[in-house]
Amino acid sequence: MNSTRIAIATTDGISVCDHLAQSSAFLILEIQDGAITSGTFRTRSNEACGNHASFVDMLSGASAVICGGIGQGAADSLAASGIEPLVIGGNHSIDDAVNQFLAGSLTISDERVCLCH
């Protein structure tokens, strides 16, 4: 049995947030043998960009997080915790991003990394 947990950064519960640190929630999905077995939302306050500890703790147990952009400091903090940031280009609904992830067709971009700090 193959299982994993992924997270999707969001501000509205519908679309993937375009910057991880500005997300107000994460949809945490349990995936077993290629199928979603459960999903929960974990909410957080929108803190100043650069406070990585709050969302790294919230993503504990996830192997990856899907987002539209991320700063280098956040990417480093996640990597140190064993969480792979999957930065996707363009606007995506959560459903589209998850379906692409499950199908193995999620396109990852290095160009959407925030360089503001």
N, C-alpha and C. Protein backbone atom coordinates (compact mmCIF):
# COMPACT_ATOMS: atom_id res chain seq x y z
N MET A 1 0.84 -1.18 0.00
CA MET A 1 0.00 0.00 0.00
C MET A 1 0.88 1.24 0.00
N ASN A 2 0.67 2.14 -0.98
CA ASN A 2 1.46 3.36 -1.13
C ASN A 2 0.64 4.54 -0.64
N SER A 3 1.13 5.25 0.40
CA SER A 3 0.37 6.40 0.90
C SER A 3 1.29 7.60 1.05
N THR A 4 0.69 8.77 0.90
CA THR A 4 1.40 10.03 1.05
C THR A 4 0.42 11.10 1.52
N ARG A 5 0.96 12.18 1.99
CA ARG A 5 0.15 13.34 2.38
C ARG A 5 0.72 14.55 1.67
N ILE A 6 -0.16 15.30 1.00
CA ILE A 6 0.26 16.54 0.35
C ILE A 6 -0.60 17.68 0.89
N ALA A 7 -0.10 18.89 0.69
CA ALA A 7 -0.82 20.10 1.10
C ALA A 7 -0.95 21.02 -0.10
N ILE A 8 -2.02 21.79 -0.11
CA ILE A 8 -2.23 22.80 -1.14
C ILE A 8 -2.47 24.13 -0.44
N ALA A 9 -1.66 25.14 -0.77
CA ALA A 9 -1.82 26.47 -0.19
C ALA A 9 -2.99 27.18 -0.86
N THR A 10 -3.84 27.84 -0.05
CA THR A 10 -5.01 28.54 -0.59
C THR A 10 -5.37 29.73 0.28
N THR A 11 -6.08 30.67 -0.30
CA THR A 11 -6.65 31.78 0.48
C THR A 11 -8.17 31.72 0.47
N ASP A 12 -8.73 31.00 -0.51
CA ASP A 12 -10.19 30.99 -0.65
C ASP A 12 -10.81 29.59 -0.62
N GLY A 13 -9.99 28.55 -0.48
CA GLY A 13 -10.51 27.19 -0.46
C GLY A 13 -10.88 26.66 -1.83
N ILE A 14 -10.65 27.45 -2.87
CA ILE A 14 -11.02 27.06 -4.24
C ILE A 14 -9.80 27.01 -5.16
N SER A 15 -8.92 28.01 -5.00
CA SER A 15 -7.78 28.12 -5.91
C SER A 15 -6.46 27.98 -5.14
N VAL A 16 -5.41 27.64 -5.88
CA VAL A 16 -4.07 27.56 -5.32
C VAL A 16 -3.56 28.98 -5.12
N CYS A 17 -3.08 29.26 -3.92
CA CYS A 17 -2.56 30.59 -3.59
C CYS A 17 -1.28 30.85 -4.38
N ASP A 18 -1.15 32.09 -4.88
CA ASP A 18 0.01 32.41 -5.72
C ASP A 18 1.28 32.69 -4.92
N HIS A 19 1.21 32.70 -3.59
CA HIS A 19 2.41 32.88 -2.76
C HIS A 19 2.18 32.14 -1.44
N LEU A 20 2.98 31.15 -1.17
CA LEU A 20 2.81 30.29 0.00
C LEU A 20 2.64 31.09 1.29
N ALA A 21 3.50 32.07 1.53
CA ALA A 21 3.48 32.81 2.79
C ALA A 21 2.24 33.68 2.95
N GLN A 22 1.50 33.92 1.87
CA GLN A 22 0.28 34.72 1.95
C GLN A 22 -0.98 33.86 2.03
N SER A 23 -0.81 32.56 2.09
CA SER A 23 -1.98 31.68 2.18
C SER A 23 -2.60 31.79 3.57
N SER A 24 -3.91 31.59 3.62
CA SER A 24 -4.62 31.61 4.91
C SER A 24 -5.02 30.21 5.35
N ALA A 25 -4.82 29.23 4.46
CA ALA A 25 -5.17 27.85 4.80
C ALA A 25 -4.39 26.89 3.92
N PHE A 26 -4.35 25.65 4.40
CA PHE A 26 -3.78 24.56 3.62
C PHE A 26 -4.79 23.43 3.60
N LEU A 27 -5.05 22.90 2.42
CA LEU A 27 -5.84 21.69 2.30
C LEU A 27 -4.84 20.54 2.39
N ILE A 28 -5.02 19.69 3.39
CA ILE A 28 -4.14 18.54 3.59
C ILE A 28 -4.87 17.30 3.09
N LEU A 29 -4.28 16.63 2.12
CA LEU A 29 -4.90 15.45 1.52
C LEU A 29 -4.09 14.20 1.83
N GLU A 30 -4.80 13.18 2.28
CA GLU A 30 -4.21 11.86 2.45
C GLU A 30 -4.47 11.10 1.15
N ILE A 31 -3.42 10.56 0.56
CA ILE A 31 -3.55 9.84 -0.70
C ILE A 31 -3.01 8.44 -0.50
N GLN A 32 -3.82 7.46 -0.88
CA GLN A 32 -3.42 6.07 -0.75
C GLN A 32 -3.66 5.36 -2.08
N ASP A 33 -2.61 4.76 -2.61
CA ASP A 33 -2.69 4.05 -3.88
C ASP A 33 -3.31 4.91 -4.98
N GLY A 34 -2.92 6.20 -5.02
CA GLY A 34 -3.37 7.10 -6.08
C GLY A 34 -4.76 7.67 -5.90
N ALA A 35 -5.40 7.42 -4.77
CA ALA A 35 -6.75 7.94 -4.51
C ALA A 35 -6.77 8.74 -3.22
N ILE A 36 -7.53 9.82 -3.20
CA ILE A 36 -7.68 10.64 -2.00
C ILE A 36 -8.56 9.89 -1.01
N THR A 37 -8.04 9.70 0.21
CA THR A 37 -8.81 9.01 1.23
C THR A 37 -9.39 9.97 2.27
N SER A 38 -8.79 11.14 2.43
CA SER A 38 -9.34 12.14 3.33
C SER A 38 -8.72 13.50 3.04
N GLY A 39 -9.41 14.53 3.50
CA GLY A 39 -8.93 15.89 3.33
C GLY A 39 -9.39 16.77 4.47
N THR A 40 -8.49 17.61 4.96
CA THR A 40 -8.84 18.54 6.02
C THR A 40 -8.20 19.90 5.72
N PHE A 41 -8.85 20.96 6.19
CA PHE A 41 -8.29 22.30 6.06
C PHE A 41 -7.63 22.68 7.38
N ARG A 42 -6.45 23.25 7.26
CA ARG A 42 -5.76 23.82 8.42
C ARG A 42 -5.62 25.30 8.13
N THR A 43 -6.20 26.14 8.99
CA THR A 43 -6.17 27.58 8.76
C THR A 43 -5.08 28.24 9.59
N ARG A 44 -4.67 29.40 9.12
CA ARG A 44 -3.67 30.18 9.83
C ARG A 44 -3.92 31.65 9.57
N SER A 45 -3.38 32.50 10.44
CA SER A 45 -3.49 33.94 10.21
C SER A 45 -2.51 34.32 9.11
N ASN A 46 -2.86 35.36 8.37
CA ASN A 46 -1.95 35.86 7.33
C ASN A 46 -0.92 36.74 8.01
N GLU A 47 0.21 36.15 8.29
CA GLU A 47 1.28 36.88 8.97
C GLU A 47 2.19 37.52 7.93
N ALA A 48 3.10 38.29 8.40
CA ALA A 48 4.06 38.92 7.49
C ALA A 48 4.85 37.87 6.74
N CYS A 49 5.10 38.16 5.50
CA CYS A 49 5.91 37.27 4.68
C CYS A 49 7.27 37.12 5.37
N GLY A 50 7.72 35.92 5.54
CA GLY A 50 9.01 35.68 6.19
C GLY A 50 8.89 34.88 7.47
N ASN A 51 7.68 34.73 8.03
CA ASN A 51 7.48 33.92 9.22
C ASN A 51 7.20 32.49 8.79
N HIS A 52 8.25 31.70 8.64
CA HIS A 52 8.12 30.36 8.08
C HIS A 52 7.71 29.32 9.09
N ALA A 53 8.01 29.55 10.36
CA ALA A 53 7.76 28.52 11.37
C ALA A 53 6.29 28.12 11.44
N SER A 54 5.38 29.08 11.31
CA SER A 54 3.96 28.77 11.47
C SER A 54 3.47 27.81 10.40
N PHE A 55 3.85 28.02 9.16
CA PHE A 55 3.33 27.10 8.15
C PHE A 55 4.15 25.82 8.05
N VAL A 56 5.42 25.84 8.42
CA VAL A 56 6.19 24.60 8.44
C VAL A 56 5.58 23.64 9.47
N ASP A 57 5.22 24.17 10.64
CA ASP A 57 4.57 23.35 11.66
C ASP A 57 3.23 22.82 11.17
N MET A 58 2.46 23.66 10.49
CA MET A 58 1.14 23.24 9.98
C MET A 58 1.24 22.14 8.94
N LEU A 59 2.34 22.09 8.23
CA LEU A 59 2.51 21.12 7.15
C LEU A 59 3.22 19.85 7.61
N SER A 60 3.43 19.74 8.90
CA SER A 60 4.09 18.56 9.45
C SER A 60 3.39 17.28 8.97
N GLY A 61 4.17 16.36 8.48
CA GLY A 61 3.63 15.10 7.99
C GLY A 61 3.38 15.08 6.49
N ALA A 62 3.38 16.25 5.87
CA ALA A 62 3.17 16.31 4.42
C ALA A 62 4.51 16.08 3.72
N SER A 63 4.46 15.43 2.58
CA SER A 63 5.69 15.22 1.81
C SER A 63 5.91 16.35 0.82
N ALA A 64 4.84 17.09 0.49
CA ALA A 64 4.94 18.17 -0.49
C ALA A 64 3.83 19.18 -0.25
N VAL A 65 4.06 20.41 -0.74
CA VAL A 65 3.02 21.45 -0.72
C VAL A 65 2.98 22.08 -2.10
N ILE A 66 1.77 22.19 -2.64
CA ILE A 66 1.55 22.82 -3.94
C ILE A 66 1.21 24.28 -3.70
N CYS A 67 1.93 25.17 -4.40
CA CYS A 67 1.68 26.60 -4.27
C CYS A 67 2.06 27.29 -5.58
N GLY A 68 1.66 28.55 -5.71
CA GLY A 68 1.95 29.30 -6.93
C GLY A 68 3.24 30.09 -6.87
N GLY A 69 3.83 30.23 -5.71
CA GLY A 69 5.07 30.97 -5.54
C GLY A 69 5.58 30.76 -4.13
N ILE A 70 6.87 30.98 -3.95
CA ILE A 70 7.48 30.76 -2.64
C ILE A 70 8.80 31.51 -2.57
N GLY A 71 9.11 32.06 -1.41
CA GLY A 71 10.41 32.70 -1.20
C GLY A 71 11.47 31.66 -0.92
N GLN A 72 12.72 32.03 -1.13
CA GLN A 72 13.82 31.08 -0.94
C GLN A 72 13.91 30.62 0.51
N GLY A 73 13.69 31.54 1.45
CA GLY A 73 13.75 31.18 2.86
C GLY A 73 12.70 30.14 3.23
N ALA A 74 11.49 30.30 2.71
CA ALA A 74 10.43 29.33 2.96
C ALA A 74 10.75 27.99 2.31
N ALA A 75 11.27 28.04 1.08
CA ALA A 75 11.65 26.81 0.39
C ALA A 75 12.72 26.06 1.18
N ASP A 76 13.69 26.79 1.71
CA ASP A 76 14.75 26.18 2.51
C ASP A 76 14.20 25.58 3.80
N SER A 77 13.28 26.31 4.47
CA SER A 77 12.69 25.81 5.71
C SER A 77 11.88 24.54 5.47
N LEU A 78 11.13 24.52 4.39
CA LEU A 78 10.35 23.33 4.06
C LEU A 78 11.27 22.15 3.75
N ALA A 79 12.28 22.40 2.93
CA ALA A 79 13.21 21.33 2.56
C ALA A 79 13.89 20.74 3.79
N ALA A 80 14.25 21.61 4.75
CA ALA A 80 14.89 21.14 5.98
C ALA A 80 13.96 20.25 6.80
N SER A 81 12.64 20.40 6.57
CA SER A 81 11.64 19.59 7.27
C SER A 81 11.15 18.42 6.42
N GLY A 82 11.78 18.22 5.27
CA GLY A 82 11.42 17.10 4.41
C GLY A 82 10.17 17.33 3.58
N ILE A 83 9.79 18.60 3.39
CA ILE A 83 8.59 18.94 2.62
C ILE A 83 9.03 19.58 1.31
N GLU A 84 8.63 18.99 0.19
CA GLU A 84 9.02 19.51 -1.12
C GLU A 84 8.03 20.56 -1.60
N PRO A 85 8.48 21.79 -1.86
CA PRO A 85 7.58 22.79 -2.44
C PRO A 85 7.40 22.53 -3.93
N LEU A 86 6.16 22.39 -4.34
CA LEU A 86 5.83 22.17 -5.75
C LEU A 86 5.22 23.46 -6.28
N VAL A 87 6.04 24.30 -6.89
CA VAL A 87 5.62 25.61 -7.37
C VAL A 87 5.06 25.45 -8.79
N ILE A 88 3.82 25.87 -8.96
CA ILE A 88 3.17 25.74 -10.27
C ILE A 88 2.94 27.12 -10.86
N GLY A 89 3.03 27.23 -12.16
CA GLY A 89 2.82 28.50 -12.85
C GLY A 89 1.37 28.68 -13.23
N GLY A 90 0.94 29.92 -13.30
CA GLY A 90 -0.42 30.23 -13.73
C GLY A 90 -1.44 30.04 -12.63
N ASN A 91 -2.68 30.36 -12.96
CA ASN A 91 -3.78 30.20 -12.00
C ASN A 91 -4.36 28.81 -12.12
N HIS A 92 -4.53 28.16 -10.97
CA HIS A 92 -5.09 26.80 -10.94
C HIS A 92 -6.12 26.69 -9.84
N SER A 93 -7.18 25.96 -10.12
CA SER A 93 -8.09 25.60 -9.04
C SER A 93 -7.41 24.48 -8.25
N ILE A 94 -7.82 24.31 -7.01
CA ILE A 94 -7.30 23.20 -6.21
C ILE A 94 -7.60 21.89 -6.91
N ASP A 95 -8.83 21.73 -7.41
CA ASP A 95 -9.21 20.48 -8.08
C ASP A 95 -8.30 20.17 -9.25
N ASP A 96 -8.03 21.17 -10.09
CA ASP A 96 -7.15 20.95 -11.25
C ASP A 96 -5.74 20.55 -10.81
N ALA A 97 -5.20 21.25 -9.82
CA ALA A 97 -3.85 20.96 -9.35
C ALA A 97 -3.77 19.55 -8.76
N VAL A 98 -4.76 19.17 -7.97
CA VAL A 98 -4.76 17.84 -7.36
C VAL A 98 -4.89 16.76 -8.43
N ASN A 99 -5.80 16.97 -9.37
CA ASN A 99 -5.96 15.98 -10.44
C ASN A 99 -4.68 15.83 -11.25
N GLN A 100 -4.00 16.93 -11.53
CA GLN A 100 -2.73 16.85 -12.26
C GLN A 100 -1.66 16.15 -11.42
N PHE A 101 -1.64 16.43 -10.13
CA PHE A 101 -0.69 15.76 -9.24
C PHE A 101 -0.93 14.25 -9.26
N LEU A 102 -2.18 13.85 -9.11
CA LEU A 102 -2.51 12.43 -9.09
C LEU A 102 -2.19 11.74 -10.41
N ALA A 103 -2.34 12.47 -11.51
CA ALA A 103 -2.07 11.92 -12.83
C ALA A 103 -0.58 11.95 -13.18
N GLY A 104 0.22 12.60 -12.33
CA GLY A 104 1.65 12.72 -12.61
C GLY A 104 1.96 13.76 -13.67
N SER A 105 1.02 14.68 -13.91
CA SER A 105 1.21 15.67 -14.97
C SER A 105 1.29 17.10 -14.45
N LEU A 106 1.48 17.28 -13.15
CA LEU A 106 1.60 18.62 -12.58
C LEU A 106 2.91 19.24 -13.05
N THR A 107 2.82 20.39 -13.71
CA THR A 107 4.00 21.08 -14.24
C THR A 107 4.57 21.99 -13.17
N ILE A 108 5.82 21.75 -12.80
CA ILE A 108 6.50 22.50 -11.76
C ILE A 108 7.35 23.59 -12.41
N SER A 109 7.39 24.78 -11.78
CA SER A 109 8.13 25.91 -12.31
C SER A 109 9.14 26.41 -11.29
N ASP A 110 10.35 26.70 -11.74
CA ASP A 110 11.35 27.33 -10.88
C ASP A 110 11.25 28.85 -10.96
N GLU A 111 10.50 29.36 -11.91
CA GLU A 111 10.43 30.80 -12.17
C GLU A 111 9.50 31.55 -11.20
N ARG A 112 8.69 30.84 -10.45
CA ARG A 112 7.73 31.48 -9.58
C ARG A 112 8.24 31.63 -8.14
N VAL A 113 9.53 31.56 -7.96
CA VAL A 113 10.10 31.71 -6.63
C VAL A 113 10.20 33.20 -6.30
N CYS A 114 9.65 33.59 -5.17
CA CYS A 114 9.66 34.98 -4.73
C CYS A 114 11.09 35.39 -4.36
N LEU A 115 11.54 36.51 -4.86
CA LEU A 115 12.88 37.00 -4.56
C LEU A 115 12.83 38.29 -3.75
N CYS A 116 11.69 38.53 -3.06
CA CYS A 116 11.51 39.79 -2.34
C CYS A 116 12.31 39.87 -1.06
N HIS A 117 12.89 38.78 -0.61
CA HIS A 117 13.70 38.81 0.61
C HIS A 117 14.68 37.69 0.64
